């Protein structure tokens, strides 16, 4: 999973992050669990690019989890945030 932010008019990537490193979450990222026991984790079995991805397994409706990027300076209408998302096609 990568998050890219580009500035219009000239190419500048503010953040280009993957989860290939052994430290999880990456430096300056924060994972927060405010409800439940499930948490974000690093997986190496299902990445759209690279060798690893961030994953959280929701098998109960009573979980609240956040994976927070480092602080970014963005300009409305000029910057873009892109990321991959994958969701199973079933309910438990």
Protein backbone atom coordinates (compact mmCIF):
# COMPACT_ATOMS: atom_id res chain seq x y z
CA UNK A 1 0.00 0.00 0.00
CA UNK A 2 1.37 3.42 -0.84
CA UNK A 3 0.08 6.89 -0.19
CA UNK A 4 1.15 9.56 -2.68
CA UNK A 5 0.54 13.29 -2.54
CA UNK A 6 1.60 15.35 -5.57
CA UNK A 7 1.65 19.12 -5.90
CA UNK A 8 0.11 20.45 -9.16
CA UNK A 9 2.41 22.41 -11.50
CA UNK A 10 5.53 20.52 -10.50
CA UNK A 11 6.04 17.03 -9.25
CA UNK A 12 6.77 16.77 -5.57
CA UNK A 13 5.82 13.70 -3.60
CA UNK A 14 5.13 14.68 0.00
CA UNK A 15 4.69 11.10 1.23
CA UNK A 16 5.35 7.82 -0.56
CA UNK A 17 5.06 5.10 2.03
CA UNK A 18 5.08 1.33 1.86
CA UNK A 19 5.03 -1.30 4.58
CA UNK A 20 8.03 -3.37 3.45
CA UNK A 21 10.22 -2.44 6.45
CA UNK A 22 10.22 -4.64 9.55
CA UNK A 23 9.06 -1.77 11.80
CA UNK A 24 5.28 -1.47 11.88
CA UNK A 25 3.78 0.99 11.72
CA UNK A 26 6.47 2.96 9.84
CA UNK A 27 8.22 5.85 11.59
CA UNK A 28 5.88 8.76 12.44
CA UNK A 29 2.74 6.67 11.77
CA UNK A 30 0.37 5.83 14.62
CA UNK A 31 -2.00 2.94 15.10
CA UNK A 32 -4.89 3.47 17.50
CA UNK A 33 -7.49 1.02 18.80
CA UNK A 34 -10.28 2.77 20.69
CA UNK A 35 -12.69 -0.15 20.86
CA UNK A 36 -12.15 -3.92 20.66
CA UNK A 37 -8.96 -6.00 20.61
CA UNK A 38 -8.23 -6.19 16.87
CA UNK A 39 -5.40 -3.93 15.65
CA UNK A 40 -3.63 -2.95 12.43
CA UNK A 41 -0.82 -5.32 11.42
CA UNK A 42 1.75 -5.79 8.66
CA UNK A 43 1.01 -8.63 6.20
CA UNK A 44 3.28 -10.08 3.51
CA UNK A 45 0.65 -12.28 1.84
CA UNK A 46 -1.62 -9.82 0.04
CA UNK A 47 0.05 -6.66 -1.22
CA UNK A 48 -1.00 -4.96 -4.48
CA UNK A 49 2.53 -3.51 -4.82
CA UNK A 50 5.73 -4.29 -3.01
CA UNK A 51 6.02 -7.14 -0.53
CA UNK A 52 3.86 -6.02 2.41
CA UNK A 53 0.66 -4.19 3.29
CA UNK A 54 -1.23 -2.87 6.30
CA UNK A 55 -4.27 -4.87 7.35
CA UNK A 56 -6.96 -4.90 10.00
CA UNK A 57 -9.35 -7.85 10.34
CA UNK A 58 -12.92 -6.85 11.18
CA UNK A 59 -14.90 -9.93 12.17
CA UNK A 60 -16.93 -8.14 14.81
CA UNK A 61 -18.86 -4.87 14.47
CA UNK A 62 -17.49 -3.58 17.79
CA UNK A 63 -14.00 -2.52 16.68
CA UNK A 64 -12.70 0.99 16.05
CA UNK A 65 -9.17 1.24 14.60
CA UNK A 66 -7.15 3.99 12.97
CA UNK A 67 -3.86 3.94 11.05
CA UNK A 68 -2.71 7.57 11.05
CA UNK A 69 -0.13 9.03 8.65
CA UNK A 70 2.45 11.61 9.71
CA UNK A 71 1.12 15.17 9.59
CA UNK A 72 0.85 16.41 6.00
CA UNK A 73 0.55 19.93 4.61
CA UNK A 74 -2.00 19.77 1.80
CA UNK A 75 -3.76 22.37 -0.31
CA UNK A 76 -7.43 21.85 -1.17
CA UNK A 77 -7.91 21.37 -4.89
CA UNK A 78 -4.20 20.88 -5.57
CA UNK A 79 -3.08 17.77 -3.69
CA UNK A 80 -4.14 14.16 -4.14
CA UNK A 81 -4.13 11.26 -1.70
CA UNK A 82 -4.11 7.77 -3.26
CA UNK A 83 -4.18 4.36 -1.62
CA UNK A 84 -5.20 0.75 -2.27
CA UNK A 85 -8.03 -0.88 -0.34
CA UNK A 86 -9.20 -4.50 -0.32
CA UNK A 87 -12.31 -5.87 1.34
CA UNK A 88 -13.64 -9.44 1.46
CA UNK A 89 -16.95 -10.01 -0.25
CA UNK A 90 -18.70 -11.70 2.67
CA UNK A 91 -20.24 -10.94 6.03
CA UNK A 92 -19.95 -12.85 9.29
